[in-house]
Amino acid sequence: MSRDFDHHPGRLADSDTGMRLNSAGAPAGPLAPDGPGDFASTPAEKTAAANTIETELEPDTKKAAEHADEATNTAVSGFKGWETATGLKKVSDTWDKQVKTLMGRLSSEKSALRGASGLFVRNDIGLGNQFRPIGSRSGLDHL
């Protein structure tokens, strides 16, 4: 079934509005037309977040993983010779892989935060340098 908008002049306008992306519920961001026009965080906030990862999340995660390993190893020893020990060992190995993945992710996020902060500053300096007046070698800037 085809629609003929020539017979219904008002339907074309209705159709056009229905084709737009629904952004009413989307948060305004730095690149959104009605957004604030600035970044969601400052370099200092990125540095603080990276420091929190380094001084709290990474050490606390490592400590929790070591505590879980100790408790699991004790349980595995207690169930030696039982299938339960084999199951606990398998769970422990899976846990260790997940902790390793999490620690890698935390490290990556920390590096990304620090890198992004520096990247924005370097970009700002580079753009600023591009807009500085360039001195003329022919002496025309003294005219």
N, C-alpha and C. Protein backbone atom coordinates (compact mmCIF):
# COMPACT_ATOMS: atom_id res chain seq x y z
N MET A 1 0.84 -1.17 0.00
CA MET A 1 0.00 0.00 0.00
C MET A 1 0.89 1.24 0.00
N SER A 2 0.71 2.10 -0.97
CA SER A 2 1.51 3.32 -1.02
C SER A 2 0.66 4.49 -0.55
N ARG A 3 1.36 5.49 -0.05
CA ARG A 3 0.67 6.70 0.42
C ARG A 3 0.91 7.81 -0.58
N ASP A 4 -0.10 8.53 -0.86
CA ASP A 4 0.02 9.66 -1.77
C ASP A 4 -0.16 10.92 -0.96
N PHE A 5 0.94 11.63 -0.73
CA PHE A 5 0.89 12.82 0.11
C PHE A 5 0.28 14.01 -0.62
N ASP A 6 0.14 13.91 -1.95
CA ASP A 6 -0.49 15.00 -2.69
C ASP A 6 -1.94 15.20 -2.25
N HIS A 7 -2.61 14.12 -1.88
CA HIS A 7 -4.01 14.20 -1.48
C HIS A 7 -4.17 14.60 -0.02
N HIS A 8 -3.11 14.53 0.73
CA HIS A 8 -3.15 14.86 2.16
C HIS A 8 -2.01 15.80 2.49
N PRO A 9 -2.15 17.08 2.18
CA PRO A 9 -1.02 18.00 2.35
C PRO A 9 -0.48 18.06 3.76
N GLY A 10 -1.30 17.90 4.77
CA GLY A 10 -0.83 17.99 6.14
C GLY A 10 -0.03 16.78 6.58
N ARG A 11 -0.17 15.67 5.90
CA ARG A 11 0.50 14.43 6.31
C ARG A 11 2.00 14.46 6.03
N LEU A 12 2.42 15.22 5.05
CA LEU A 12 3.85 15.27 4.76
C LEU A 12 4.60 15.88 5.95
N ALA A 13 4.07 16.92 6.51
CA ALA A 13 4.72 17.54 7.67
C ALA A 13 4.71 16.58 8.84
N ASP A 14 3.63 15.87 9.05
CA ASP A 14 3.56 14.89 10.14
C ASP A 14 4.58 13.79 9.92
N SER A 15 4.71 13.37 8.68
CA SER A 15 5.65 12.31 8.35
C SER A 15 7.08 12.75 8.64
N ASP A 16 7.41 14.00 8.31
CA ASP A 16 8.77 14.51 8.53
C ASP A 16 9.13 14.51 10.01
N THR A 17 8.22 14.90 10.87
CA THR A 17 8.54 14.94 12.29
C THR A 17 8.71 13.54 12.85
N GLY A 18 8.02 12.59 12.29
CA GLY A 18 8.15 11.22 12.76
C GLY A 18 9.46 10.58 12.34
N MET A 19 10.12 11.15 11.35
CA MET A 19 11.36 10.58 10.86
C MET A 19 12.57 11.07 11.64
N ARG A 20 12.41 12.13 12.43
CA ARG A 20 13.54 12.64 13.20
C ARG A 20 13.86 11.71 14.36
N LEU A 21 15.12 11.72 14.76
CA LEU A 21 15.52 10.93 15.92
C LEU A 21 14.90 11.53 17.17
N ASN A 22 14.44 10.69 18.02
CA ASN A 22 13.84 11.16 19.26
C ASN A 22 14.96 11.43 20.25
N SER A 23 15.28 12.69 20.48
CA SER A 23 16.35 13.04 21.39
C SER A 23 15.83 13.72 22.64
N ALA A 24 14.52 13.67 22.85
CA ALA A 24 13.96 14.36 24.01
C ALA A 24 14.51 13.81 25.32
N GLY A 25 14.75 12.52 25.39
CA GLY A 25 15.24 11.93 26.63
C GLY A 25 16.75 11.86 26.72
N ALA A 26 17.44 12.26 25.66
CA ALA A 26 18.90 12.17 25.66
C ALA A 26 19.50 13.33 26.44
N PRO A 27 20.54 13.06 27.22
CA PRO A 27 21.17 14.14 27.98
C PRO A 27 21.93 15.07 27.05
N ALA A 28 21.94 16.33 27.40
CA ALA A 28 22.71 17.31 26.63
C ALA A 28 24.18 17.08 26.92
N GLY A 29 24.99 17.11 25.91
CA GLY A 29 26.42 16.90 26.10
C GLY A 29 27.20 18.02 25.46
N PRO A 30 28.52 17.92 25.50
CA PRO A 30 29.35 18.99 24.97
C PRO A 30 29.13 19.23 23.49
N LEU A 31 28.75 18.18 22.75
CA LEU A 31 28.56 18.34 21.31
C LEU A 31 27.09 18.47 20.93
N ALA A 32 26.18 18.36 21.88
CA ALA A 32 24.76 18.49 21.60
C ALA A 32 24.44 19.94 21.27
N PRO A 33 23.49 20.17 20.35
CA PRO A 33 23.18 21.55 19.96
C PRO A 33 22.82 22.46 21.14
N ASP A 34 22.13 21.95 22.12
CA ASP A 34 21.75 22.76 23.27
C ASP A 34 22.61 22.46 24.49
N GLY A 35 23.74 21.78 24.28
CA GLY A 35 24.61 21.38 25.39
C GLY A 35 25.37 22.56 25.95
N PRO A 36 26.07 22.34 27.05
CA PRO A 36 26.79 23.42 27.71
C PRO A 36 28.00 23.92 26.94
N GLY A 37 28.51 23.14 25.98
CA GLY A 37 29.64 23.59 25.20
C GLY A 37 30.98 23.40 25.88
N ASP A 38 31.03 22.64 26.97
CA ASP A 38 32.30 22.40 27.64
C ASP A 38 32.41 20.91 27.96
N PHE A 39 33.58 20.53 28.40
CA PHE A 39 33.79 19.12 28.71
C PHE A 39 33.10 18.76 30.01
N ALA A 40 32.78 17.49 30.14
CA ALA A 40 32.08 17.02 31.33
C ALA A 40 32.99 17.01 32.56
N SER A 41 34.28 17.04 32.37
CA SER A 41 35.19 17.07 33.51
C SER A 41 36.44 17.85 33.15
N THR A 42 37.07 18.37 34.16
CA THR A 42 38.28 19.17 33.97
C THR A 42 39.51 18.25 34.03
N PRO A 43 40.65 18.74 33.59
CA PRO A 43 41.87 17.95 33.74
C PRO A 43 42.12 17.56 35.20
N ALA A 44 41.83 18.46 36.14
CA ALA A 44 42.03 18.15 37.57
C ALA A 44 41.11 17.01 38.01
N GLU A 45 39.88 17.00 37.50
CA GLU A 45 38.95 15.92 37.86
C GLU A 45 39.40 14.59 37.26
N LYS A 46 39.93 14.63 36.04
CA LYS A 46 40.45 13.40 35.42
C LYS A 46 41.64 12.88 36.22
N THR A 47 42.52 13.78 36.64
CA THR A 47 43.68 13.39 37.45
C THR A 47 43.23 12.81 38.78
N ALA A 48 42.23 13.43 39.41
CA ALA A 48 41.72 12.94 40.69
C ALA A 48 41.12 11.54 40.53
N ALA A 49 40.39 11.33 39.44
CA ALA A 49 39.80 10.01 39.20
C ALA A 49 40.90 8.97 38.97
N ALA A 50 41.92 9.32 38.21
CA ALA A 50 43.05 8.40 37.97
C ALA A 50 43.76 8.09 39.29
N ASN A 51 43.93 9.11 40.12
CA ASN A 51 44.58 8.89 41.42
C ASN A 51 43.74 8.00 42.32
N THR A 52 42.42 8.14 42.28
CA THR A 52 41.53 7.28 43.07
C THR A 52 41.67 5.83 42.61
N ILE A 53 41.75 5.63 41.32
CA ILE A 53 41.95 4.26 40.81
C ILE A 53 43.26 3.71 41.35
N GLU A 54 44.32 4.53 41.29
CA GLU A 54 45.65 4.07 41.69
C GLU A 54 45.78 3.85 43.19
N THR A 55 45.22 4.75 43.99
CA THR A 55 45.44 4.69 45.44
C THR A 55 44.36 3.93 46.21
N GLU A 56 43.18 3.75 45.60
CA GLU A 56 42.11 3.06 46.31
C GLU A 56 41.63 1.80 45.59
N LEU A 57 41.14 1.95 44.36
CA LEU A 57 40.52 0.82 43.68
C LEU A 57 41.48 -0.32 43.38
N GLU A 58 42.64 0.00 42.83
CA GLU A 58 43.60 -1.07 42.52
C GLU A 58 44.08 -1.78 43.78
N PRO A 59 44.57 -1.07 44.81
CA PRO A 59 45.03 -1.79 46.00
C PRO A 59 43.90 -2.54 46.73
N ASP A 60 42.72 -1.94 46.81
CA ASP A 60 41.60 -2.60 47.49
C ASP A 60 41.14 -3.84 46.73
N THR A 61 41.15 -3.77 45.42
CA THR A 61 40.77 -4.93 44.61
C THR A 61 41.79 -6.05 44.77
N LYS A 62 43.06 -5.69 44.76
CA LYS A 62 44.13 -6.68 44.94
C LYS A 62 44.02 -7.34 46.32
N LYS A 63 43.77 -6.53 47.34
CA LYS A 63 43.64 -7.05 48.70
C LYS A 63 42.44 -8.00 48.82
N ALA A 64 41.31 -7.61 48.22
CA ALA A 64 40.12 -8.46 48.26
C ALA A 64 40.35 -9.78 47.53
N ALA A 65 41.06 -9.70 46.40
CA ALA A 65 41.35 -10.92 45.64
C ALA A 65 42.27 -11.85 46.43
N GLU A 66 43.28 -11.29 47.08
CA GLU A 66 44.19 -12.11 47.88
C GLU A 66 43.46 -12.76 49.06
N HIS A 67 42.55 -12.01 49.69
CA HIS A 67 41.77 -12.54 50.80
C HIS A 67 40.89 -13.70 50.32
N ALA A 68 40.26 -13.51 49.17
CA ALA A 68 39.41 -14.58 48.62
C ALA A 68 40.25 -15.80 48.26
N ASP A 69 41.45 -15.58 47.72
CA ASP A 69 42.33 -16.70 47.36
C ASP A 69 42.73 -17.49 48.61
N GLU A 70 43.07 -16.78 49.68
CA GLU A 70 43.46 -17.46 50.92
C GLU A 70 42.32 -18.31 51.46
N ALA A 71 41.13 -17.73 51.51
CA ALA A 71 39.97 -18.46 52.03
C ALA A 71 39.63 -19.67 51.15
N THR A 72 39.72 -19.48 49.85
CA THR A 72 39.40 -20.58 48.93
C THR A 72 40.44 -21.68 49.04
N ASN A 73 41.72 -21.31 49.12
CA ASN A 73 42.77 -22.32 49.24
C ASN A 73 42.61 -23.13 50.53
N THR A 74 42.20 -22.47 51.60
CA THR A 74 41.94 -23.17 52.86
C THR A 74 40.80 -24.16 52.68
N ALA A 75 39.73 -23.73 52.00
CA ALA A 75 38.59 -24.62 51.76
C ALA A 75 38.97 -25.79 50.87
N VAL A 76 39.77 -25.51 49.83
CA VAL A 76 40.22 -26.58 48.93
C VAL A 76 41.00 -27.63 49.72
N SER A 77 41.87 -27.17 50.62
CA SER A 77 42.66 -28.10 51.45
C SER A 77 41.74 -28.91 52.35
N GLY A 78 40.72 -28.26 52.90
CA GLY A 78 39.79 -28.94 53.79
C GLY A 78 38.96 -30.01 53.09
N PHE A 79 38.72 -29.82 51.80
CA PHE A 79 37.92 -30.78 51.03
C PHE A 79 38.78 -31.68 50.15
N LYS A 80 40.08 -31.78 50.48
CA LYS A 80 40.99 -32.59 49.68
C LYS A 80 40.43 -34.01 49.50
N GLY A 81 40.46 -34.47 48.23
CA GLY A 81 39.95 -35.80 47.92
C GLY A 81 38.47 -35.80 47.56
N TRP A 82 37.80 -34.72 47.73
CA TRP A 82 36.37 -34.63 47.40
C TRP A 82 36.22 -33.85 46.08
N GLU A 83 35.10 -34.08 45.42
CA GLU A 83 34.80 -33.32 44.20
C GLU A 83 34.64 -31.82 44.50
N THR A 84 34.25 -31.53 45.72
CA THR A 84 34.08 -30.13 46.12
C THR A 84 35.39 -29.37 45.99
N ALA A 85 36.50 -30.00 46.33
CA ALA A 85 37.81 -29.35 46.21
C ALA A 85 38.10 -29.02 44.75
N THR A 86 37.78 -29.96 43.85
CA THR A 86 37.99 -29.73 42.42
C THR A 86 37.13 -28.56 41.94
N GLY A 87 35.87 -28.52 42.38
CA GLY A 87 34.97 -27.44 42.00
C GLY A 87 35.44 -26.09 42.53
N LEU A 88 35.88 -26.07 43.79
CA LEU A 88 36.38 -24.82 44.36
C LEU A 88 37.63 -24.34 43.64
N LYS A 89 38.49 -25.25 43.25
CA LYS A 89 39.71 -24.89 42.52
C LYS A 89 39.34 -24.27 41.17
N LYS A 90 38.35 -24.86 40.52
CA LYS A 90 37.92 -24.33 39.23
C LYS A 90 37.33 -22.92 39.40
N VAL A 91 36.52 -22.74 40.43
CA VAL A 91 35.95 -21.42 40.71
C VAL A 91 37.06 -20.42 41.04
N SER A 92 38.05 -20.86 41.80
CA SER A 92 39.17 -20.00 42.16
C SER A 92 39.95 -19.57 40.93
N ASP A 93 40.19 -20.50 40.00
CA ASP A 93 40.91 -20.17 38.77
C ASP A 93 40.12 -19.15 37.93
N THR A 94 38.80 -19.34 37.86
CA THR A 94 37.94 -18.40 37.13
C THR A 94 37.99 -17.03 37.80
N TRP A 95 37.90 -17.02 39.12
CA TRP A 95 37.97 -15.78 39.89
C TRP A 95 39.28 -15.04 39.60
N ASP A 96 40.39 -15.77 39.62
CA ASP A 96 41.70 -15.15 39.38
C ASP A 96 41.76 -14.51 37.99
N LYS A 97 41.19 -15.18 36.99
CA LYS A 97 41.17 -14.61 35.64
C LYS A 97 40.33 -13.34 35.60
N GLN A 98 39.20 -13.35 36.29
CA GLN A 98 38.34 -12.17 36.32
C GLN A 98 39.00 -11.01 37.05
N VAL A 99 39.69 -11.31 38.13
CA VAL A 99 40.40 -10.26 38.86
C VAL A 99 41.50 -9.68 37.98
N LYS A 100 42.22 -10.54 37.27
CA LYS A 100 43.28 -10.08 36.37
C LYS A 100 42.69 -9.16 35.29
N THR A 101 41.54 -9.53 34.75
CA THR A 101 40.87 -8.71 33.74
C THR A 101 40.46 -7.37 34.34
N LEU A 102 39.89 -7.40 35.55
CA LEU A 102 39.47 -6.17 36.23
C LEU A 102 40.67 -5.27 36.50
N MET A 103 41.75 -5.83 36.98
CA MET A 103 42.94 -5.03 37.27
C MET A 103 43.48 -4.39 35.98
N GLY A 104 43.46 -5.14 34.90
CA GLY A 104 43.88 -4.59 33.61
C GLY A 104 42.98 -3.45 33.17
N ARG A 105 41.68 -3.63 33.39
CA ARG A 105 40.72 -2.57 33.01
C ARG A 105 40.93 -1.33 33.86
N LEU A 106 41.13 -1.50 35.15
CA LEU A 106 41.39 -0.35 36.01
C LEU A 106 42.64 0.39 35.56
N SER A 107 43.68 -0.36 35.24
CA SER A 107 44.93 0.25 34.78
C SER A 107 44.71 1.00 33.47
N SER A 108 43.95 0.40 32.56
CA SER A 108 43.66 1.05 31.28
C SER A 108 42.87 2.34 31.48
N GLU A 109 41.87 2.28 32.35
CA GLU A 109 41.06 3.48 32.61
C GLU A 109 41.91 4.58 33.24
N LYS A 110 42.77 4.20 34.16
CA LYS A 110 43.67 5.17 34.80
C LYS A 110 44.56 5.82 33.74
N SER A 111 45.14 5.03 32.87
CA SER A 111 46.00 5.57 31.81
C SER A 111 45.21 6.45 30.85
N ALA A 112 43.99 6.01 30.51
CA ALA A 112 43.16 6.80 29.59
C ALA A 112 42.79 8.15 30.20
N LEU A 113 42.47 8.15 31.47
CA LEU A 113 42.14 9.42 32.14
C LEU A 113 43.33 10.37 32.12
N ARG A 114 44.49 9.84 32.45
CA ARG A 114 45.68 10.69 32.45
C ARG A 114 46.06 11.12 31.04
N GLY A 115 45.92 10.21 30.10
CA GLY A 115 46.23 10.55 28.71
C GLY A 115 45.27 11.57 28.13
N ALA A 116 43.98 11.42 28.42
CA ALA A 116 42.98 12.35 27.90
C ALA A 116 43.22 13.74 28.44
N SER A 117 43.53 13.82 29.70
CA SER A 117 43.79 15.12 30.32
C SER A 117 44.94 15.82 29.61
N GLY A 118 46.02 15.12 29.40
CA GLY A 118 47.18 15.70 28.71
C GLY A 118 46.89 16.00 27.25
N LEU A 119 46.10 15.14 26.61
CA LEU A 119 45.76 15.33 25.20
C LEU A 119 44.97 16.62 25.00
N PHE A 120 43.99 16.87 25.87
CA PHE A 120 43.19 18.09 25.74
C PHE A 120 44.06 19.33 25.93
N VAL A 121 44.97 19.28 26.90
CA VAL A 121 45.85 20.43 27.14
C VAL A 121 46.75 20.65 25.92
N ARG A 122 47.33 19.56 25.40
CA ARG A 122 48.21 19.69 24.22
C ARG A 122 47.43 20.21 23.01
N ASN A 123 46.18 19.73 22.84
CA ASN A 123 45.36 20.22 21.72
C ASN A 123 45.08 21.71 21.88
N ASP A 124 44.74 22.13 23.09
CA ASP A 124 44.46 23.55 23.33
C ASP A 124 45.69 24.40 23.02
N ILE A 125 46.84 23.96 23.46
CA ILE A 125 48.08 24.72 23.21
C ILE A 125 48.36 24.74 21.71
N GLY A 126 48.21 23.61 21.05
CA GLY A 126 48.45 23.54 19.61
C GLY A 126 47.51 24.45 18.82
N LEU A 127 46.24 24.43 19.18
CA LEU A 127 45.29 25.32 18.50
C LEU A 127 45.60 26.78 18.79
N GLY A 128 45.97 27.08 20.02
CA GLY A 128 46.34 28.45 20.36
C GLY A 128 47.52 28.92 19.54
N ASN A 129 48.49 28.03 19.35
CA ASN A 129 49.67 28.39 18.56
C ASN A 129 49.31 28.64 17.10
N GLN A 130 48.31 27.93 16.58
CA GLN A 130 47.89 28.13 15.19
C GLN A 130 47.25 29.49 14.98
N PHE A 131 46.67 30.06 16.01
CA PHE A 131 45.99 31.34 15.87
C PHE A 131 46.88 32.54 16.23
N ARG A 132 48.07 32.31 16.65
CA ARG A 132 48.99 33.40 16.96
C ARG A 132 49.43 34.04 15.66
N PRO A 133 49.60 35.34 15.66
CA PRO A 133 50.07 36.00 14.43
C PRO A 133 51.45 35.48 14.04
N ILE A 134 51.61 35.29 12.79
CA ILE A 134 52.89 34.83 12.27
C ILE A 134 53.67 36.06 11.81
N GLY A 135 54.88 36.20 12.29
CA GLY A 135 55.71 37.35 11.91
C GLY A 135 56.12 37.24 10.45
N SER A 136 56.10 38.36 9.77
CA SER A 136 56.49 38.37 8.36
C SER A 136 58.01 38.48 8.25
N ARG A 137 58.59 37.75 7.39
CA ARG A 137 60.04 37.80 7.18
C ARG A 137 60.42 38.94 6.25
N SER A 138 59.42 39.49 5.57
CA SER A 138 59.76 40.57 4.63
C SER A 138 59.65 41.94 5.27
N GLY A 139 59.32 42.00 6.55
CA GLY A 139 59.24 43.27 7.21
C GLY A 139 57.91 43.97 7.03
N LEU A 140 56.92 43.31 6.45
CA LEU A 140 55.63 43.93 6.22
C LEU A 140 54.85 44.19 7.50
N ASP A 141 55.15 43.49 8.59
CA ASP A 141 54.40 43.68 9.83
C ASP A 141 54.79 44.99 10.52
N HIS A 142 55.77 45.72 10.00
CA HIS A 142 56.14 47.01 10.58
C HIS A 142 55.46 48.17 9.87
N LEU A 143 54.69 47.89 8.83
CA LEU A 143 54.05 48.96 8.05
C LEU A 143 52.87 49.54 8.76
